Every structure is written in structure tokens, then in C-alpha cells.
Amino acid sequence: MEFKDVAFTSIDEVLKLYFKEIEGADVFVILIGANNGEIKDFLGDYLLLKNVSGILVEPVNEFFCQLEEKFILNERLILENSAIYTRNCKKNIFRIETNNNLPSWTRGLGSLKKQTVDMHGHDVREIKEAIIKEKVNCVTFDTLLKKHNVGYIHILQIDTEGFDFEIIMSINLSNTRPHLIIFEYLHLTFYQYWRIR
């Protein structure tokens, strides 16, 4: 499959082309930072396809429970209640408390880096008062693959509010080489962006 004509197009267009080219073949995805499955993301609609299986990773217990409710009947999807980190441990995640009057998009903010959540105070002044911390389970990307006996990945989507670089750099691409990696570059430095590329 060639993507030479989509260098400056949207992720949605790349995914449409990808799924058109594979014509119903099995696709295995890993979505890191799945939230509750209701927040719009690039792979959301594709998870409903019968040829798509994979792992949805969400560390926040409240959102993980909602994810379980949404996908309880989907046997093709494995749900992992962890954050992906550089080692296996417990760590605090910083997120926005859901019982507030802030815009709904703020519920998708959660990061192992408090300053990444803080910086959204430029958009919504009250965010700093709504930040809470929660202790979550953390596993390495390699541990995730071994735990669920993953042999290949077609699409990897990462949305971790500022930890995308560390996750991508922890992947041994000689062992695991996804066809597509979708990540959020908003919180990356110029150096980190070009290092990933």
C-alpha cells in the first residue's frame, strides 16, 4: 500500500484509504488513552467493524468502567486498565474531575505530567481548580504485548497528553512495526517531533 499522495492530508483520509485498501482483512489495533470510548477519536468508528480487533488501554478507573460498559459485548477487544510507562509501577495520573461545569472536552485531559494538564488553563481558567490525581497501574509497552500475546499491530494510536514521545521511543520497532502510528504532537518539543519522524 502506498501513501505517497496523502503526505499533507488528514488522519481521517489516511485511515479511509487504509481500510479501503485492505478490503475487509483482519486489522489489529492498540489504542493507548482510550478514555471512556465516547470521546471522538480517529479509530472510534472503526472499532465497530467485524474485522477489527485489538487492545484499548485506559488507566483511569472511572473511564475504564465506562469503556467496559460500552464494549462488554465486543469479544474482539481486550480492555487494559493501565497506563503505558517506561517501567512497571504505580504512578499518579493528573486529570480533570468529571463533576464540574467545565466544557465536556476537558474530561479527556489526563496525563502523567501535571504541567500538561495545567497548560490548558489558557483555554479554561477554572481548570487548575478541577485537577485531581489518581494512582494508576503502569506497564511498559513490551509488558502489554507480552501479557496479551500480541504478535503484530496494524494501527497504534497514542493520545496521552504529553507522554506520547516517551511511549513511541520505548517501542522496539525491529520487533514490532505497526503500519500506522497516530500520535498527538501538540505537547512535543520540536526536537521530540523530529526524533519521532
C-alpha atoms as a PDB file:
ATOM      1  CA  MET A   1       0.000   0.000   0.000  1.00  0.00           C
ATOM      2  CA  GLU A   2       1.366   3.422  -0.915  1.00  0.00           C
ATOM      3  CA  PHE A   3       0.620   6.656   0.890  1.00  0.00           C
ATOM      4  CA  LYS A   4       2.679   8.918  -1.365  1.00  0.00           C
ATOM      5  CA  ASP A   5      -0.361  11.035  -2.279  1.00  0.00           C
ATOM      6  CA  VAL A   6      -1.515  11.670   1.292  1.00  0.00           C
ATOM      7  CA  ALA A   7       1.559  13.375   2.754  1.00  0.00           C
ATOM      8  CA  PHE A   8      -0.360  16.557   3.566  1.00  0.00           C
ATOM      9  CA  THR A   9      -3.846  15.254   4.173  1.00  0.00           C
ATOM     10  CA  SER A  10      -5.821  14.417   7.293  1.00  0.00           C
ATOM     11  CA  ILE A  11      -5.534  11.341   9.501  1.00  0.00           C
ATOM     12  CA  ASP A  12      -9.175  10.589   8.679  1.00  0.00           C
ATOM     13  CA  GLU A  13      -8.309  10.431   4.978  1.00  0.00           C
ATOM     14  CA  VAL A  14      -5.302   8.174   5.616  1.00  0.00           C
ATOM     15  CA  LEU A  15      -7.469   5.774   7.637  1.00  0.00           C
ATOM     16  CA  LYS A  16     -10.187   5.727   4.963  1.00  0.00           C
ATOM     17  CA  LEU A  17      -7.571   4.853   2.366  1.00  0.00           C
ATOM     18  CA  TYR A  18      -6.017   2.205   4.632  1.00  0.00           C
ATOM     19  CA  PHE A  19      -9.309   0.415   5.321  1.00  0.00           C
ATOM     20  CA  LYS A  20     -10.317   0.660   1.651  1.00  0.00           C
ATOM     21  CA  GLU A  21      -7.021  -0.925   0.569  1.00  0.00           C
ATOM     22  CA  ILE A  22      -7.213  -3.862   2.973  1.00  0.00           C
ATOM     23  CA  GLU A  23     -10.769  -4.740   1.840  1.00  0.00           C
ATOM     24  CA  GLY A  24     -12.051  -6.460   4.984  1.00  0.00           C
ATOM     25  CA  ALA A  25      -8.804  -8.173   6.034  1.00  0.00           C
ATOM     26  CA  ASP A  26      -8.219  -8.522   9.780  1.00  0.00           C
ATOM     27  CA  VAL A  27      -6.819  -5.409  11.456  1.00  0.00           C
ATOM     28  CA  PHE A  28      -5.306  -5.366  14.955  1.00  0.00           C
ATOM     29  CA  VAL A  29      -5.220  -2.001  16.715  1.00  0.00           C
ATOM     30  CA  ILE A  30      -3.898  -0.707  20.018  1.00  0.00           C
ATOM     31  CA  LEU A  31      -5.442   2.477  21.336  1.00  0.00           C
ATOM     32  CA  ILE A  32      -3.483   3.992  24.233  1.00  0.00           C
ATOM     33  CA  GLY A  33      -5.566   6.576  26.085  1.00  0.00           C
ATOM     34  CA  ALA A  34      -8.973   5.184  25.154  1.00  0.00           C
ATOM     35  CA  ASN A  35     -10.811   7.267  27.788  1.00  0.00           C
ATOM     36  CA  ASN A  36     -14.460   6.154  28.049  1.00  0.00           C
ATOM     37  CA  GLY A  37     -14.911   5.272  24.380  1.00  0.00           C
ATOM     38  CA  GLU A  38     -17.281   8.208  23.868  1.00  0.00           C
ATOM     39  CA  ILE A  39     -14.786  10.977  23.193  1.00  0.00           C
ATOM     40  CA  LYS A  40     -14.335  11.306  19.426  1.00  0.00           C
ATOM     41  CA  ASP A  41     -11.043   9.949  18.178  1.00  0.00           C
ATOM     42  CA  PHE A  42      -9.732   8.684  14.859  1.00  0.00           C
ATOM     43  CA  LEU A  43     -10.282   4.955  15.435  1.00  0.00           C
ATOM     44  CA  GLY A  44     -13.615   5.147  17.287  1.00  0.00           C
ATOM     45  CA  ASP A  45     -15.883   4.239  14.366  1.00  0.00           C
ATOM     46  CA  TYR A  46     -13.519   1.534  13.075  1.00  0.00           C
ATOM     47  CA  LEU A  47     -13.711  -0.363  16.374  1.00  0.00           C
ATOM     48  CA  LEU A  48     -17.236  -1.401  15.421  1.00  0.00           C
ATOM     49  CA  LEU A  49     -16.079  -3.235  12.271  1.00  0.00           C
ATOM     50  CA  LYS A  50     -16.150  -7.028  12.471  1.00  0.00           C
ATOM     51  CA  ASN A  51     -12.618  -7.340  11.052  1.00  0.00           C
ATOM     52  CA  VAL A  52     -11.090  -5.050  13.721  1.00  0.00           C
ATOM     53  CA  SER A  53      -9.722  -6.456  16.980  1.00  0.00           C
ATOM     54  CA  GLY A  54      -7.268  -5.048  19.466  1.00  0.00           C
ATOM     55  CA  ILE A  55      -6.481  -3.593  22.861  1.00  0.00           C
ATOM     56  CA  LEU A  56      -7.947  -0.450  24.413  1.00  0.00           C
ATOM     57  CA  VAL A  57      -5.715   0.936  27.163  1.00  0.00           C
ATOM     58  CA  GLU A  58      -7.186   3.270  29.791  1.00  0.00           C
ATOM     59  CA  PRO A  59      -5.669   3.878  33.247  1.00  0.00           C
ATOM     60  CA  VAL A  60      -8.423   5.953  34.920  1.00  0.00           C
ATOM     61  CA  ASN A  61     -10.841   3.643  36.755  1.00  0.00           C
ATOM     62  CA  GLU A  62     -13.936   5.782  36.155  1.00  0.00           C
ATOM     63  CA  PHE A  63     -13.361   5.872  32.396  1.00  0.00           C
ATOM     64  CA  PHE A  64     -12.270   2.233  32.260  1.00  0.00           C
ATOM     65  CA  CYS A  65     -15.593   1.160  33.818  1.00  0.00           C
ATOM     66  CA  GLN A  66     -17.472   3.181  31.177  1.00  0.00           C
ATOM     67  CA  LEU A  67     -15.299   1.589  28.488  1.00  0.00           C
ATOM     68  CA  GLU A  68     -16.220  -1.864  29.814  1.00  0.00           C
ATOM     69  CA  GLU A  69     -19.927  -0.997  29.662  1.00  0.00           C
ATOM     70  CA  LYS A  70     -19.634   0.257  26.087  1.00  0.00           C
ATOM     71  CA  PHE A  71     -17.685  -2.737  24.744  1.00  0.00           C
ATOM     72  CA  ILE A  72     -18.957  -5.524  27.026  1.00  0.00           C
ATOM     73  CA  LEU A  73     -20.402  -7.439  24.069  1.00  0.00           C
ATOM     74  CA  ASN A  74     -17.406  -6.922  21.791  1.00  0.00           C
ATOM     75  CA  GLU A  75     -15.251 -10.021  22.247  1.00  0.00           C
ATOM     76  CA  ARG A  76     -12.723  -8.787  19.691  1.00  0.00           C
ATOM     77  CA  LEU A  77     -11.497  -6.029  22.015  1.00  0.00           C
ATOM     78  CA  ILE A  78      -9.301  -6.508  25.088  1.00  0.00           C
ATOM     79  CA  LEU A  79      -9.510  -3.792  27.734  1.00  0.00           C
ATOM     80  CA  GLU A  80      -6.405  -2.957  29.773  1.00  0.00           C
ATOM     81  CA  ASN A  81      -6.771  -0.837  32.934  1.00  0.00           C
ATOM     82  CA  SER A  82      -3.219   0.609  32.934  1.00  0.00           C
ATOM     83  CA  ALA A  83      -1.113   3.494  31.729  1.00  0.00           C
ATOM     84  CA  ILE A  84       1.805   2.833  29.406  1.00  0.00           C
ATOM     85  CA  TYR A  85       5.028   3.988  31.049  1.00  0.00           C
ATOM     86  CA  THR A  86       8.785   3.348  30.914  1.00  0.00           C
ATOM     87  CA  ARG A  87       8.589   0.757  33.717  1.00  0.00           C
ATOM     88  CA  ASN A  88       6.038  -1.411  35.523  1.00  0.00           C
ATOM     89  CA  CYS A  89       4.912   0.505  38.625  1.00  0.00           C
ATOM     90  CA  LYS A  90       2.155   2.577  40.233  1.00  0.00           C
ATOM     91  CA  LYS A  91       2.104   6.285  39.452  1.00  0.00           C
ATOM     92  CA  ASN A  92      -0.136   9.330  39.818  1.00  0.00           C
ATOM     93  CA  ILE A  93      -2.109  10.494  36.816  1.00  0.00           C
ATOM     94  CA  PHE A  94      -3.457  14.056  36.787  1.00  0.00           C
ATOM     95  CA  ARG A  95      -6.899  14.582  35.319  1.00  0.00           C
ATOM     96  CA  ILE A  96      -9.967  16.783  35.434  1.00  0.00           C
ATOM     97  CA  GLU A  97     -12.664  15.819  37.923  1.00  0.00           C
ATOM     98  CA  THR A  98     -15.780  14.903  35.961  1.00  0.00           C
ATOM     99  CA  ASN A  99     -18.313  16.536  38.318  1.00  0.00           C
ATOM    100  CA  ASN A 100     -17.836  20.127  37.196  1.00  0.00           C
ATOM    101  CA  ASN A 101     -19.254  22.751  34.840  1.00  0.00           C
ATOM    102  CA  LEU A 102     -16.240  22.800  32.538  1.00  0.00           C
ATOM    103  CA  PRO A 103     -16.569  22.089  28.803  1.00  0.00           C
ATOM    104  CA  SER A 104     -17.014  18.377  28.046  1.00  0.00           C
ATOM    105  CA  TRP A 105     -13.697  18.178  26.134  1.00  0.00           C
ATOM    106  CA  THR A 106     -11.815  18.730  29.407  1.00  0.00           C
ATOM    107  CA  ARG A 107     -12.850  15.249  30.582  1.00  0.00           C
ATOM    108  CA  GLY A 108     -10.428  13.885  28.012  1.00  0.00           C
ATOM    109  CA  LEU A 109      -7.499  15.581  29.726  1.00  0.00           C
ATOM    110  CA  GLY A 110      -5.362  13.201  31.736  1.00  0.00           C
ATOM    111  CA  SER A 111      -1.608  12.955  31.913  1.00  0.00           C
ATOM    112  CA  LEU A 112       1.264  11.578  33.945  1.00  0.00           C
ATOM    113  CA  LYS A 113       2.646  15.134  33.643  1.00  0.00           C
ATOM    114  CA  LYS A 114       0.660  17.637  35.733  1.00  0.00           C
ATOM    115  CA  GLN A 115       2.058  20.621  33.810  1.00  0.00           C
ATOM    116  CA  THR A 116       0.482  19.279  30.603  1.00  0.00           C
ATOM    117  CA  VAL A 117      -2.982  19.460  32.167  1.00  0.00           C
ATOM    118  CA  ASP A 118      -2.158  22.827  33.797  1.00  0.00           C
ATOM    119  CA  MET A 119      -1.334  24.408  30.446  1.00  0.00           C
ATOM    120  CA  HIS A 120      -4.975  24.108  29.346  1.00  0.00           C
ATOM    121  CA  GLY A 121      -5.686  26.869  31.853  1.00  0.00           C
ATOM    122  CA  HIS A 122      -5.066  29.216  28.927  1.00  0.00           C
ATOM    123  CA  ASP A 123      -8.276  27.855  27.356  1.00  0.00           C
ATOM    124  CA  VAL A 124     -10.355  27.398  30.518  1.00  0.00           C
ATOM    125  CA  ARG A 125      -9.292  29.415  33.558  1.00  0.00           C
ATOM    126  CA  GLU A 126     -11.000  27.140  36.108  1.00  0.00           C
ATOM    127  CA  ILE A 127      -9.089  24.011  35.033  1.00  0.00           C
ATOM    128  CA  LYS A 128      -6.416  24.270  37.734  1.00  0.00           C
ATOM    129  CA  GLU A 129      -9.027  24.015  40.498  1.00  0.00           C
ATOM    130  CA  ALA A 130     -10.569  20.924  38.877  1.00  0.00           C
ATOM    131  CA  ILE A 131      -7.342  18.880  38.611  1.00  0.00           C
ATOM    132  CA  ILE A 132      -7.273  15.745  40.748  1.00  0.00           C
ATOM    133  CA  LYS A 133      -4.689  12.982  40.982  1.00  0.00           C
ATOM    134  CA  GLU A 134      -5.319   9.269  40.918  1.00  0.00           C
ATOM    135  CA  LYS A 135      -2.881   6.410  41.499  1.00  0.00           C
ATOM    136  CA  VAL A 136      -2.889   4.108  38.460  1.00  0.00           C
ATOM    137  CA  ASN A 137      -1.204   0.907  37.371  1.00  0.00           C
ATOM    138  CA  CYS A 138       1.594   1.399  34.821  1.00  0.00           C
ATOM    139  CA  VAL A 139       3.093  -1.158  32.440  1.00  0.00           C
ATOM    140  CA  THR A 140       5.670  -0.912  29.696  1.00  0.00           C
ATOM    141  CA  PHE A 141       4.604  -1.281  26.074  1.00  0.00           C
ATOM    142  CA  ASP A 142       6.577  -4.524  25.922  1.00  0.00           C
ATOM    143  CA  THR A 143       4.776  -5.842  29.027  1.00  0.00           C
ATOM    144  CA  LEU A 144       1.430  -5.006  27.393  1.00  0.00           C
ATOM    145  CA  LEU A 145       2.345  -7.003  24.274  1.00  0.00           C
ATOM    146  CA  LYS A 146       3.605  -9.988  26.262  1.00  0.00           C
ATOM    147  CA  LYS A 147       0.613 -10.006  28.624  1.00  0.00           C
ATOM    148  CA  HIS A 148      -1.852 -10.212  25.740  1.00  0.00           C
ATOM    149  CA  ASN A 149       0.344 -12.317  23.434  1.00  0.00           C
ATOM    150  CA  VAL A 150       0.388  -9.699  20.669  1.00  0.00           C
ATOM    151  CA  GLY A 151       2.304 -10.787  17.581  1.00  0.00           C
ATOM    152  CA  TYR A 152       1.577  -7.881  15.247  1.00  0.00           C
ATOM    153  CA  ILE A 153      -0.033  -4.441  15.264  1.00  0.00           C
ATOM    154  CA  HIS A 154      -1.560  -2.778  12.237  1.00  0.00           C
ATOM    155  CA  ILE A 155      -2.504   0.559  13.806  1.00  0.00           C
ATOM    156  CA  LEU A 156      -1.207   2.112  17.017  1.00  0.00           C
ATOM    157  CA  GLN A 157      -2.970   5.231  18.280  1.00  0.00           C
ATOM    158  CA  ILE A 158      -1.499   7.159  21.215  1.00  0.00           C
ATOM    159  CA  ASP A 159      -3.247  10.040  22.979  1.00  0.00           C
ATOM    160  CA  THR A 160      -1.646  10.504  26.389  1.00  0.00           C
ATOM    161  CA  GLU A 161      -1.478  14.290  26.759  1.00  0.00           C
ATOM    162  CA  GLY A 162       2.256  14.773  26.738  1.00  0.00           C
ATOM    163  CA  PHE A 163       3.668  11.252  27.158  1.00  0.00           C
ATOM    164  CA  ASP A 164       3.401  10.175  23.510  1.00  0.00           C
ATOM    165  CA  PHE A 165       7.106  10.750  22.815  1.00  0.00           C
ATOM    166  CA  GLU A 166       8.269   8.537  25.676  1.00  0.00           C
ATOM    167  CA  ILE A 167       5.918   5.736  24.624  1.00  0.00           C
ATOM    168  CA  ILE A 168       6.990   5.809  20.986  1.00  0.00           C
ATOM    169  CA  MET A 169      10.684   5.884  21.925  1.00  0.00           C
ATOM    170  CA  SER A 170      10.148   2.830  24.175  1.00  0.00           C
ATOM    171  CA  ILE A 171       8.860   0.683  21.293  1.00  0.00           C
ATOM    172  CA  ASN A 172      11.347  -1.713  19.757  1.00  0.00           C
ATOM    173  CA  LEU A 173      10.460  -1.145  16.117  1.00  0.00           C
ATOM    174  CA  SER A 174      12.671  -4.004  14.977  1.00  0.00           C
ATOM    175  CA  ASN A 175      10.314  -6.399  16.837  1.00  0.00           C
ATOM    176  CA  THR A 176       7.029  -4.535  16.455  1.00  0.00           C
ATOM    177  CA  ARG A 177       6.413  -2.341  13.432  1.00  0.00           C
ATOM    178  CA  PRO A 178       2.836  -1.023  13.118  1.00  0.00           C
ATOM    179  CA  HIS A 179       1.647   0.003   9.656  1.00  0.00           C
ATOM    180  CA  LEU A 180       0.400   3.298  11.090  1.00  0.00           C
ATOM    181  CA  ILE A 181       1.243   5.187  14.280  1.00  0.00           C
ATOM    182  CA  ILE A 182      -1.126   8.004  15.167  1.00  0.00           C
ATOM    183  CA  PHE A 183       0.064  10.280  17.968  1.00  0.00           C
ATOM    184  CA  GLU A 184      -0.611  13.718  19.388  1.00  0.00           C
ATOM    185  CA  TYR A 185       2.235  16.113  18.655  1.00  0.00           C
ATOM    186  CA  LEU A 186       0.728  19.169  20.370  1.00  0.00           C
ATOM    187  CA  HIS A 187       2.784  18.687  23.546  1.00  0.00           C
ATOM    188  CA  LEU A 188       6.038  17.652  21.862  1.00  0.00           C
ATOM    189  CA  THR A 189       9.107  19.826  21.562  1.00  0.00           C
ATOM    190  CA  PHE A 190      10.490  20.477  18.082  1.00  0.00           C
ATOM    191  CA  TYR A 191      13.332  18.055  18.862  1.00  0.00           C
ATOM    192  CA  GLN A 192      10.945  15.311  20.018  1.00  0.00           C
ATOM    193  CA  TYR A 193       8.768  15.675  16.905  1.00  0.00           C
ATOM    194  CA  TRP A 194      11.711  15.284  14.529  1.00  0.00           C
ATOM    195  CA  ARG A 195      13.224  12.496  16.582  1.00  0.00           C
ATOM    196  CA  ILE A 196       9.998  10.512  16.238  1.00  0.00           C
ATOM    197  CA  ARG A 197       9.856  11.148  12.492  1.00  0.00           C
END
